[in-house]
């Protein structure tokens, strides 16, 4: 006769097998994509690929140096807009969660996060590109910033809400003002989660193509002027992937591999920063406790 303990062990083993199977299924598409990119794009990753401008159609060689620089500029503009506004909005939503205006802001953030990215590109085209009469990096960066703004805001709100209330009450009891408590105590405690959300936002902004079709437009030449059309790695991949030239399609695979590598490096760097901060806090806490004793 099977006892209850044996039955629990059997159920536990079955669930363990199911969770491992689910993990393998979840990782399989990423492994297939990575293998396909390595197979088709690795041989194109030469030094000239990172340092030269795109070659004319049908000509071997060339690179995507202008596209990499343009993507960095566009993501920088987007994060400059989205991070301060998103963190501030998240703090407000967490501190005043029951107010009517906070509920309205939360609703609008959820609606904005569900909009297709191409809609934000059309909005930026209507509000920025059309009045100015030309495409620009500013328009592309603002479109990307609007795209990731709700992600940063909602993630900040969730991270701030899990901060222990005792920390806030202790800071207020020591005479800190409400805003100083939010910035120096609550925000610093929630910073690892916020950093992770910002890195996710960077990854999403770096890989978006649709908003840039209506704003940055692309540029086959070297340009770092934010008021003019600018190249971007997703735009370059889009143009190369649908071209009839084998050389450009091969570079599209290499560009996709570079984009994946950049996203991976950003994610790994973010995790390293969070772990380093956690180790620092764990090393400081015993000293502080010993000093008080």
C-alpha atoms as a PDB file:
ATOM      1  CA  UNK A   1       0.000   0.000   0.000  1.00  0.00           C
ATOM      2  CA  UNK A   2       1.313   3.406  -0.967  1.00  0.00           C
ATOM      3  CA  UNK A   3       1.633   5.773   1.942  1.00  0.00           C
ATOM      4  CA  UNK A   4       0.839   9.462   1.746  1.00  0.00           C
ATOM      5  CA  UNK A   5       4.525  10.386   1.992  1.00  0.00           C
ATOM      6  CA  UNK A   6       5.404   8.124  -0.942  1.00  0.00           C
ATOM      7  CA  UNK A   7       2.552   9.601  -2.958  1.00  0.00           C
ATOM      8  CA  UNK A   8       3.811  13.122  -2.258  1.00  0.00           C
ATOM      9  CA  UNK A   9       7.311  12.117  -3.378  1.00  0.00           C
ATOM     10  CA  UNK A  10       5.953  10.682  -6.628  1.00  0.00           C
ATOM     11  CA  UNK A  11       3.929  13.820  -7.308  1.00  0.00           C
ATOM     12  CA  UNK A  12       6.992  15.927  -6.495  1.00  0.00           C
ATOM     13  CA  UNK A  13       9.175  13.987  -8.941  1.00  0.00           C
ATOM     14  CA  UNK A  14       6.546  14.264 -11.664  1.00  0.00           C
ATOM     15  CA  UNK A  15       6.216  18.002 -11.166  1.00  0.00           C
ATOM     16  CA  UNK A  16       9.993  18.375 -11.211  1.00  0.00           C
ATOM     17  CA  UNK A  17      10.131  16.553 -14.545  1.00  0.00           C
ATOM     18  CA  UNK A  18       7.324  18.757 -15.899  1.00  0.00           C
ATOM     19  CA  UNK A  19       9.079  21.975 -14.824  1.00  0.00           C
ATOM     20  CA  UNK A  20      12.343  20.813 -16.419  1.00  0.00           C
ATOM     21  CA  UNK A  21      10.459  19.945 -19.609  1.00  0.00           C
ATOM     22  CA  UNK A  22       8.800  23.376 -19.609  1.00  0.00           C
ATOM     23  CA  UNK A  23      12.202  25.034 -19.165  1.00  0.00           C
ATOM     24  CA  UNK A  24      13.637  23.059 -22.091  1.00  0.00           C
ATOM     25  CA  UNK A  25      10.660  23.968 -24.293  1.00  0.00           C
ATOM     26  CA  UNK A  26      11.047  27.643 -23.356  1.00  0.00           C
ATOM     27  CA  UNK A  27      14.770  27.612 -24.161  1.00  0.00           C
ATOM     28  CA  UNK A  28      14.483  25.704 -27.431  1.00  0.00           C
ATOM     29  CA  UNK A  29      13.389  28.650 -29.646  1.00  0.00           C
ATOM     30  CA  UNK A  30      16.239  30.806 -28.305  1.00  0.00           C
ATOM     31  CA  UNK A  31      18.789  28.039 -28.935  1.00  0.00           C
ATOM     32  CA  UNK A  32      17.463  27.516 -32.477  1.00  0.00           C
ATOM     33  CA  UNK A  33      17.567  31.248 -33.240  1.00  0.00           C
ATOM     34  CA  UNK A  34      21.056  31.623 -31.798  1.00  0.00           C
ATOM     35  CA  UNK A  35      22.329  28.610 -33.738  1.00  0.00           C
ATOM     36  CA  UNK A  36      20.801  29.891 -36.980  1.00  0.00           C
ATOM     37  CA  UNK A  37      22.340  33.341 -36.482  1.00  0.00           C
ATOM     38  CA  UNK A  38      25.751  31.868 -35.703  1.00  0.00           C
ATOM     39  CA  UNK A  39      25.590  29.599 -38.747  1.00  0.00           C
ATOM     40  CA  UNK A  40      24.633  32.359 -41.176  1.00  0.00           C
ATOM     41  CA  UNK A  41      26.177  35.490 -39.699  1.00  0.00           C
ATOM     42  CA  UNK A  42      29.321  34.580 -37.795  1.00  0.00           C
ATOM     43  CA  UNK A  43      31.627  34.578 -40.823  1.00  0.00           C
ATOM     44  CA  UNK A  44      30.497  38.107 -41.709  1.00  0.00           C
ATOM     45  CA  UNK A  45      31.657  39.536 -38.367  1.00  0.00           C
ATOM     46  CA  UNK A  46      34.951  41.009 -39.513  1.00  0.00           C
ATOM     47  CA  UNK A  47      36.570  44.210 -38.195  1.00  0.00           C
ATOM     48  CA  UNK A  48      35.405  46.095 -41.289  1.00  0.00           C
ATOM     49  CA  UNK A  49      31.809  45.139 -40.481  1.00  0.00           C
ATOM     50  CA  UNK A  50      31.997  47.318 -37.357  1.00  0.00           C
ATOM     51  CA  UNK A  51      34.095  50.165 -38.793  1.00  0.00           C
ATOM     52  CA  UNK A  52      32.923  50.784 -42.372  1.00  0.00           C
ATOM     53  CA  UNK A  53      29.835  52.294 -43.939  1.00  0.00           C
ATOM     54  CA  UNK A  54      27.397  50.184 -45.981  1.00  0.00           C
ATOM     55  CA  UNK A  55      28.656  49.137 -49.403  1.00  0.00           C
ATOM     56  CA  UNK A  56      26.715  49.858 -52.626  1.00  0.00           C
ATOM     57  CA  UNK A  57      24.269  47.178 -53.815  1.00  0.00           C
ATOM     58  CA  UNK A  58      25.989  44.065 -55.108  1.00  0.00           C
ATOM     59  CA  UNK A  59      29.440  45.083 -53.803  1.00  0.00           C
ATOM     60  CA  UNK A  60      31.159  42.871 -51.251  1.00  0.00           C
ATOM     61  CA  UNK A  61      32.405  44.279 -47.971  1.00  0.00           C
ATOM     62  CA  UNK A  62      31.096  47.274 -46.108  1.00  0.00           C
ATOM     63  CA  UNK A  63      29.705  47.423 -42.618  1.00  0.00           C
ATOM     64  CA  UNK A  64      27.135  48.913 -40.291  1.00  0.00           C
ATOM     65  CA  UNK A  65      29.207  51.387 -38.281  1.00  0.00           C
ATOM     66  CA  UNK A  66      26.730  54.201 -38.933  1.00  0.00           C
ATOM     67  CA  UNK A  67      23.809  51.980 -37.926  1.00  0.00           C
ATOM     68  CA  UNK A  68      25.427  51.008 -34.621  1.00  0.00           C
ATOM     69  CA  UNK A  69      26.193  54.653 -33.812  1.00  0.00           C
ATOM     70  CA  UNK A  70      22.654  55.654 -34.805  1.00  0.00           C
ATOM     71  CA  UNK A  71      21.088  52.973 -32.606  1.00  0.00           C
ATOM     72  CA  UNK A  72      23.162  54.138 -29.648  1.00  0.00           C
ATOM     73  CA  UNK A  73      22.007  57.711 -30.218  1.00  0.00           C
ATOM     74  CA  UNK A  74      18.347  56.751 -30.596  1.00  0.00           C
ATOM     75  CA  UNK A  75      18.364  54.571 -27.477  1.00  0.00           C
ATOM     76  CA  UNK A  76      20.164  57.316 -25.565  1.00  0.00           C
ATOM     77  CA  UNK A  77      17.496  59.871 -26.492  1.00  0.00           C
ATOM     78  CA  UNK A  78      14.736  57.398 -25.613  1.00  0.00           C
ATOM     79  CA  UNK A  79      16.213  56.554 -22.201  1.00  0.00           C
ATOM     80  CA  UNK A  80      16.878  60.210 -21.406  1.00  0.00           C
ATOM     81  CA  UNK A  81      13.158  60.792 -21.871  1.00  0.00           C
ATOM     82  CA  UNK A  82      11.735  57.572 -20.427  1.00  0.00           C
ATOM     83  CA  UNK A  83      13.876  56.876 -17.349  1.00  0.00           C
ATOM     84  CA  UNK A  84      13.416  60.110 -15.315  1.00  0.00           C
ATOM     85  CA  UNK A  85       9.754  60.495 -16.270  1.00  0.00           C
ATOM     86  CA  UNK A  86       9.024  56.798 -15.791  1.00  0.00           C
ATOM     87  CA  UNK A  87      10.705  56.584 -12.389  1.00  0.00           C
ATOM     88  CA  UNK A  88       8.962  59.752 -11.228  1.00  0.00           C
ATOM     89  CA  UNK A  89       5.601  58.482 -12.435  1.00  0.00           C
ATOM     90  CA  UNK A  90       6.205  55.115 -10.775  1.00  0.00           C
ATOM     91  CA  UNK A  91       7.023  56.782  -7.464  1.00  0.00           C
ATOM     92  CA  UNK A  92       3.867  58.858  -7.675  1.00  0.00           C
ATOM     93  CA  UNK A  93       1.720  55.822  -8.505  1.00  0.00           C
ATOM     94  CA  UNK A  94       3.172  53.873  -5.571  1.00  0.00           C
ATOM     95  CA  UNK A  95       2.920  56.695  -3.037  1.00  0.00           C
ATOM     96  CA  UNK A  96      -0.570  57.873  -4.064  1.00  0.00           C
ATOM     97  CA  UNK A  97      -2.047  54.646  -5.397  1.00  0.00           C
ATOM     98  CA  UNK A  98      -5.612  55.326  -4.246  1.00  0.00           C
ATOM     99  CA  UNK A  99      -5.989  58.821  -5.675  1.00  0.00           C
ATOM    100  CA  UNK A 100      -8.202  59.286  -8.701  1.00  0.00           C
ATOM    101  CA  UNK A 101      -5.445  60.888 -10.758  1.00  0.00           C
ATOM    102  CA  UNK A 102      -3.080  57.999  -9.948  1.00  0.00           C
ATOM    103  CA  UNK A 103      -5.672  55.499 -11.155  1.00  0.00           C
ATOM    104  CA  UNK A 104      -6.053  57.507 -14.362  1.00  0.00           C
ATOM    105  CA  UNK A 105      -2.283  57.592 -14.918  1.00  0.00           C
ATOM    106  CA  UNK A 106      -2.064  53.851 -14.284  1.00  0.00           C
ATOM    107  CA  UNK A 107      -4.845  53.195 -16.789  1.00  0.00           C
ATOM    108  CA  UNK A 108      -3.192  55.379 -19.423  1.00  0.00           C
ATOM    109  CA  UNK A 109       0.157  53.654 -18.850  1.00  0.00           C
ATOM    110  CA  UNK A 110      -1.449  50.245 -19.335  1.00  0.00           C
ATOM    111  CA  UNK A 111      -3.182  51.415 -22.517  1.00  0.00           C
ATOM    112  CA  UNK A 112       0.047  52.949 -23.839  1.00  0.00           C
ATOM    113  CA  UNK A 113       2.004  49.762 -23.143  1.00  0.00           C
ATOM    114  CA  UNK A 114      -0.553  47.789 -25.160  1.00  0.00           C
ATOM    115  CA  UNK A 115      -0.416  50.002 -28.237  1.00  0.00           C
ATOM    116  CA  UNK A 116       1.361  48.602 -31.298  1.00  0.00           C
ATOM    117  CA  UNK A 117       4.728  50.257 -31.729  1.00  0.00           C
ATOM    118  CA  UNK A 118       3.853  51.404 -35.244  1.00  0.00           C
ATOM    119  CA  UNK A 119       1.039  53.554 -33.797  1.00  0.00           C
ATOM    120  CA  UNK A 120       3.572  55.479 -31.718  1.00  0.00           C
ATOM    121  CA  UNK A 121       5.714  55.880 -34.823  1.00  0.00           C
ATOM    122  CA  UNK A 122       2.776  57.384 -36.712  1.00  0.00           C
ATOM    123  CA  UNK A 123       2.040  59.651 -33.741  1.00  0.00           C
ATOM    124  CA  UNK A 124       5.632  60.912 -33.689  1.00  0.00           C
ATOM    125  CA  UNK A 125       5.481  61.437 -37.454  1.00  0.00           C
ATOM    126  CA  UNK A 126       2.307  63.510 -37.111  1.00  0.00           C
ATOM    127  CA  UNK A 127       3.528  65.604 -34.167  1.00  0.00           C
ATOM    128  CA  UNK A 128       7.250  65.998 -34.970  1.00  0.00           C
ATOM    129  CA  UNK A 129       8.209  64.912 -38.481  1.00  0.00           C
ATOM    130  CA  UNK A 130       5.330  66.494 -40.367  1.00  0.00           C
ATOM    131  CA  UNK A 131       5.552  69.968 -38.736  1.00  0.00           C
ATOM    132  CA  UNK A 132       9.362  70.053 -39.100  1.00  0.00           C
ATOM    133  CA  UNK A 133       9.253  68.814 -42.696  1.00  0.00           C
ATOM    134  CA  UNK A 134      11.960  66.141 -42.330  1.00  0.00           C
ATOM    135  CA  UNK A 135      12.809  62.937 -40.500  1.00  0.00           C
ATOM    136  CA  UNK A 136      15.167  63.127 -37.536  1.00  0.00           C
ATOM    137  CA  UNK A 137      16.834  61.208 -34.722  1.00  0.00           C
ATOM    138  CA  UNK A 138      14.873  63.323 -32.240  1.00  0.00           C
ATOM    139  CA  UNK A 139      11.602  61.993 -33.618  1.00  0.00           C
ATOM    140  CA  UNK A 140      12.850  58.405 -33.510  1.00  0.00           C
ATOM    141  CA  UNK A 141      14.184  58.746 -29.974  1.00  0.00           C
ATOM    142  CA  UNK A 142      10.958  60.299 -28.716  1.00  0.00           C
ATOM    143  CA  UNK A 143       8.898  57.538 -30.342  1.00  0.00           C
ATOM    144  CA  UNK A 144      11.057  54.889 -28.676  1.00  0.00           C
ATOM    145  CA  UNK A 145      10.880  56.776 -25.389  1.00  0.00           C
ATOM    146  CA  UNK A 146       7.085  56.772 -25.474  1.00  0.00           C
ATOM    147  CA  UNK A 147       7.216  53.063 -26.246  1.00  0.00           C
ATOM    148  CA  UNK A 148       9.224  52.114 -23.140  1.00  0.00           C
ATOM    149  CA  UNK A 149       7.937  54.828 -20.779  1.00  0.00           C
ATOM    150  CA  UNK A 150       5.006  52.776 -19.406  1.00  0.00           C
ATOM    151  CA  UNK A 151       7.301  49.780 -18.881  1.00  0.00           C
ATOM    152  CA  UNK A 152       9.634  51.824 -16.667  1.00  0.00           C
ATOM    153  CA  UNK A 153       6.758  53.509 -14.820  1.00  0.00           C
ATOM    154  CA  UNK A 154       4.826  50.339 -13.997  1.00  0.00           C
ATOM    155  CA  UNK A 155       7.974  48.402 -13.057  1.00  0.00           C
ATOM    156  CA  UNK A 156       9.063  51.234 -10.754  1.00  0.00           C
ATOM    157  CA  UNK A 157       5.641  51.250  -9.113  1.00  0.00           C
ATOM    158  CA  UNK A 158       5.768  47.496  -8.470  1.00  0.00           C
ATOM    159  CA  UNK A 159       9.321  47.648  -7.101  1.00  0.00           C
ATOM    160  CA  UNK A 160       8.495  50.560  -4.786  1.00  0.00           C
ATOM    161  CA  UNK A 161       5.392  48.816  -3.480  1.00  0.00           C
ATOM    162  CA  UNK A 162       7.418  45.824  -2.260  1.00  0.00           C
ATOM    163  CA  UNK A 163       9.717  48.049  -0.180  1.00  0.00           C
ATOM    164  CA  UNK A 164       8.906  47.433   3.511  1.00  0.00           C
ATOM    165  CA  UNK A 165       6.693  50.091   4.990  1.00  0.00           C
ATOM    166  CA  UNK A 166       8.877  50.086   8.113  1.00  0.00           C
ATOM    167  CA  UNK A 167      11.693  51.754   6.165  1.00  0.00           C
ATOM    168  CA  UNK A 168       9.449  54.624   5.123  1.00  0.00           C
ATOM    169  CA  UNK A 169       8.040  55.032   8.631  1.00  0.00           C
ATOM    170  CA  UNK A 170      11.538  55.025  10.146  1.00  0.00           C
ATOM    171  CA  UNK A 171      12.745  57.724   7.755  1.00  0.00           C
ATOM    172  CA  UNK A 172       9.674  59.876   8.441  1.00  0.00           C
ATOM    173  CA  UNK A 173      10.164  59.402  12.184  1.00  0.00           C
ATOM    174  CA  UNK A 174      13.718  60.701  11.845  1.00  0.00           C
ATOM    175  CA  UNK A 175      12.386  63.914  10.337  1.00  0.00           C
ATOM    176  CA  UNK A 176      12.826  63.222   6.635  1.00  0.00           C
ATOM    177  CA  UNK A 177      10.338  64.903   4.352  1.00  0.00           C
ATOM    178  CA  UNK A 178       8.073  62.776   2.176  1.00  0.00           C
ATOM    179  CA  UNK A 179       9.929  63.504  -1.056  1.00  0.00           C
ATOM    180  CA  UNK A 180      13.343  62.977   0.550  1.00  0.00           C
ATOM    181  CA  UNK A 181      12.201  59.635   1.946  1.00  0.00           C
ATOM    182  CA  UNK A 182      10.974  58.555  -1.480  1.00  0.00           C
ATOM    183  CA  UNK A 183      14.233  59.513  -3.214  1.00  0.00           C
ATOM    184  CA  UNK A 184      16.869  58.515  -0.650  1.00  0.00           C
ATOM    185  CA  UNK A 185      15.270  55.517   1.060  1.00  0.00           C
ATOM    186  CA  UNK A 186      12.492  53.975  -1.000  1.00  0.00           C
ATOM    187  CA  UNK A 187      14.055  54.516  -4.417  1.00  0.00           C
ATOM    188  CA  UNK A 188      17.484  53.267  -3.343  1.00  0.00           C
ATOM    189  CA  UNK A 189      15.972  50.129  -1.848  1.00  0.00           C
ATOM    190  CA  UNK A 190      14.002  49.403  -5.023  1.00  0.00           C
ATOM    191  CA  UNK A 191      16.895  50.267  -7.338  1.00  0.00           C
ATOM    192  CA  UNK A 192      17.918  46.687  -8.347  1.00  0.00           C
ATOM    193  CA  UNK A 193      14.442  45.976  -9.722  1.00  0.00           C
ATOM    194  CA  UNK A 194      14.285  49.366 -11.411  1.00  0.00           C
ATOM    195  CA  UNK A 195      17.685  48.786 -13.051  1.00  0.00           C
ATOM    196  CA  UNK A 196      16.432  45.479 -14.407  1.00  0.00           C
ATOM    197  CA  UNK A 197      13.334  47.197 -15.829  1.00  0.00           C
ATOM    198  CA  UNK A 198      15.454  49.922 -17.440  1.00  0.00           C
ATOM    199  CA  UNK A 199      17.669  47.297 -19.070  1.00  0.00           C
ATOM    200  CA  UNK A 200      14.602  45.529 -20.428  1.00  0.00           C
ATOM    201  CA  UNK A 201      13.462  48.881 -21.808  1.00  0.00           C
ATOM    202  CA  UNK A 202      16.867  49.419 -23.447  1.00  0.00           C
ATOM    203  CA  UNK A 203      16.675  45.985 -25.054  1.00  0.00           C
ATOM    204  CA  UNK A 204      13.201  46.638 -26.416  1.00  0.00           C
ATOM    205  CA  UNK A 205      14.067  50.097 -27.720  1.00  0.00           C
ATOM    206  CA  UNK A 206      17.225  48.802 -29.407  1.00  0.00           C
ATOM    207  CA  UNK A 207      15.305  46.166 -31.360  1.00  0.00           C
ATOM    208  CA  UNK A 208      12.290  48.166 -32.541  1.00  0.00           C
ATOM    209  CA  UNK A 209      11.909  48.856 -36.251  1.00  0.00           C
ATOM    210  CA  UNK A 210       8.345  50.006 -36.946  1.00  0.00           C
ATOM    211  CA  UNK A 211       8.484  53.397 -35.138  1.00  0.00           C
ATOM    212  CA  UNK A 212      11.766  54.271 -36.853  1.00  0.00           C
ATOM    213  CA  UNK A 213      10.295  53.809 -40.336  1.00  0.00           C
ATOM    214  CA  UNK A 214       8.188  56.937 -39.772  1.00  0.00           C
ATOM    215  CA  UNK A 215      10.684  58.961 -37.729  1.00  0.00           C
ATOM    216  CA  UNK A 216      14.425  58.250 -38.122  1.00  0.00           C
ATOM    217  CA  UNK A 217      13.865  56.826 -41.638  1.00  0.00           C
ATOM    218  CA  UNK A 218      17.469  55.616 -42.052  1.00  0.00           C
ATOM    219  CA  UNK A 219      20.599  57.025 -43.641  1.00  0.00           C
ATOM    220  CA  UNK A 220      23.235  55.175 -45.724  1.00  0.00           C
ATOM    221  CA  UNK A 221      25.873  57.749 -44.768  1.00  0.00           C
ATOM    222  CA  UNK A 222      27.615  58.652 -41.531  1.00  0.00           C
ATOM    223  CA  UNK A 223      25.520  61.088 -39.509  1.00  0.00           C
ATOM    224  CA  UNK A 224      25.314  61.962 -35.824  1.00  0.00           C
ATOM    225  CA  UNK A 225      23.146  65.043 -36.265  1.00  0.00           C
ATOM    226  CA  UNK A 226      19.984  64.478 -34.196  1.00  0.00           C
ATOM    227  CA  UNK A 227      18.022  66.886 -36.381  1.00  0.00           C
ATOM    228  CA  UNK A 228      18.538  64.837 -39.556  1.00  0.00           C
ATOM    229  CA  UNK A 229      17.607  61.289 -40.673  1.00  0.00           C
ATOM    230  CA  UNK A 230      19.837  58.712 -39.022  1.00  0.00           C
ATOM    231  CA  UNK A 231      20.702  55.061 -39.535  1.00  0.00           C
ATOM    232  CA  UNK A 232      19.760  52.374 -37.030  1.00  0.00           C
ATOM    233  CA  UNK A 233      20.630  48.714 -36.820  1.00  0.00           C
ATOM    234  CA  UNK A 234      17.005  47.455 -37.004  1.00  0.00           C
ATOM    235  CA  UNK A 235      16.353  49.655 -40.043  1.00  0.00           C
ATOM    236  CA  UNK A 236      19.513  48.354 -41.705  1.00  0.00           C
ATOM    237  CA  UNK A 237      18.456  44.762 -41.039  1.00  0.00           C
ATOM    238  CA  UNK A 238      14.999  45.454 -42.463  1.00  0.00           C
ATOM    239  CA  UNK A 239      16.443  46.935 -45.646  1.00  0.00           C
ATOM    240  CA  UNK A 240      19.077  44.223 -46.077  1.00  0.00           C
ATOM    241  CA  UNK A 241      16.737  41.294 -45.339  1.00  0.00           C
ATOM    242  CA  UNK A 242      14.315  42.216 -48.137  1.00  0.00           C
ATOM    243  CA  UNK A 243      16.991  43.097 -50.705  1.00  0.00           C
ATOM    244  CA  UNK A 244      17.705  40.791 -53.691  1.00  0.00           C
ATOM    245  CA  UNK A 245      21.482  40.924 -53.117  1.00  0.00           C
ATOM    246  CA  UNK A 246      23.194  37.991 -51.411  1.00  0.00           C
ATOM    247  CA  UNK A 247      25.840  40.249 -49.853  1.00  0.00           C
ATOM    248  CA  UNK A 248      23.242  42.391 -48.111  1.00  0.00           C
ATOM    249  CA  UNK A 249      21.260  39.383 -46.901  1.00  0.00           C
ATOM    250  CA  UNK A 250      24.434  37.893 -45.430  1.00  0.00           C
ATOM    251  CA  UNK A 251      25.097  41.156 -43.619  1.00  0.00           C
ATOM    252  CA  UNK A 252      21.515  41.118 -42.349  1.00  0.00           C
ATOM    253  CA  UNK A 253      22.275  37.833 -40.556  1.00  0.00           C
ATOM    254  CA  UNK A 254      25.436  39.339 -39.098  1.00  0.00           C
ATOM    255  CA  UNK A 255      23.575  42.450 -37.981  1.00  0.00           C
ATOM    256  CA  UNK A 256      20.913  40.342 -36.274  1.00  0.00           C
ATOM    257  CA  UNK A 257      23.673  38.450 -34.463  1.00  0.00           C
ATOM    258  CA  UNK A 258      25.235  41.737 -33.339  1.00  0.00           C
ATOM    259  CA  UNK A 259      21.866  42.957 -32.068  1.00  0.00           C
ATOM    260  CA  UNK A 260      21.383  39.749 -30.097  1.00  0.00           C
ATOM    261  CA  UNK A 261      24.890  40.051 -28.663  1.00  0.00           C
ATOM    262  CA  UNK A 262      24.262  43.646 -27.586  1.00  0.00           C
ATOM    263  CA  UNK A 263      21.032  42.701 -25.826  1.00  0.00           C
ATOM    264  CA  UNK A 264      22.795  39.790 -24.100  1.00  0.00           C
ATOM    265  CA  UNK A 265      25.675  42.001 -22.950  1.00  0.00           C
ATOM    266  CA  UNK A 266      23.249  44.576 -21.564  1.00  0.00           C
ATOM    267  CA  UNK A 267      21.332  41.892 -19.651  1.00  0.00           C
ATOM    268  CA  UNK A 268      24.499  40.292 -18.238  1.00  0.00           C
ATOM    269  CA  UNK A 269      25.922  43.682 -17.243  1.00  0.00           C
ATOM    270  CA  UNK A 270      22.695  44.595 -15.471  1.00  0.00           C
ATOM    271  CA  UNK A 271      22.656  41.342 -13.511  1.00  0.00           C
ATOM    272  CA  UNK A 272      26.310  41.865 -12.577  1.00  0.00           C
ATOM    273  CA  UNK A 273      25.560  45.359 -11.263  1.00  0.00           C
ATOM    274  CA  UNK A 274      22.612  44.113  -9.211  1.00  0.00           C
ATOM    275  CA  UNK A 275      24.647  41.244  -7.729  1.00  0.00           C
ATOM    276  CA  UNK A 276      27.587  43.531  -6.950  1.00  0.00           C
ATOM    277  CA  UNK A 277      25.266  45.928  -5.147  1.00  0.00           C
ATOM    278  CA  UNK A 278      23.707  43.065  -3.186  1.00  0.00           C
ATOM    279  CA  UNK A 279      27.163  41.802  -2.128  1.00  0.00           C
ATOM    280  CA  UNK A 280      28.166  45.315  -1.093  1.00  0.00           C
ATOM    281  CA  UNK A 281      25.050  45.732   1.031  1.00  0.00           C
ATOM    282  CA  UNK A 282      25.531  42.327   2.648  1.00  0.00           C
ATOM    283  CA  UNK A 283      29.143  43.208   3.442  1.00  0.00           C
ATOM    284  CA  UNK A 284      28.263  46.585   4.904  1.00  0.00           C
ATOM    285  CA  UNK A 285      25.311  45.408   7.015  1.00  0.00           C
ATOM    286  CA  UNK A 286      27.331  43.274   9.477  1.00  0.00           C
ATOM    287  CA  UNK A 287      29.792  46.120   9.992  1.00  0.00           C
ATOM    288  CA  UNK A 288      26.976  48.537  10.690  1.00  0.00           C
ATOM    289  CA  UNK A 289      25.367  46.063  13.079  1.00  0.00           C
ATOM    290  CA  UNK A 290      28.667  45.410  14.853  1.00  0.00           C
ATOM    291  CA  UNK A 291      29.365  49.109  15.186  1.00  0.00           C
ATOM    292  CA  UNK A 292      25.986  49.739  16.769  1.00  0.00           C
ATOM    293  CA  UNK A 293      26.537  46.859  19.186  1.00  0.00           C
END
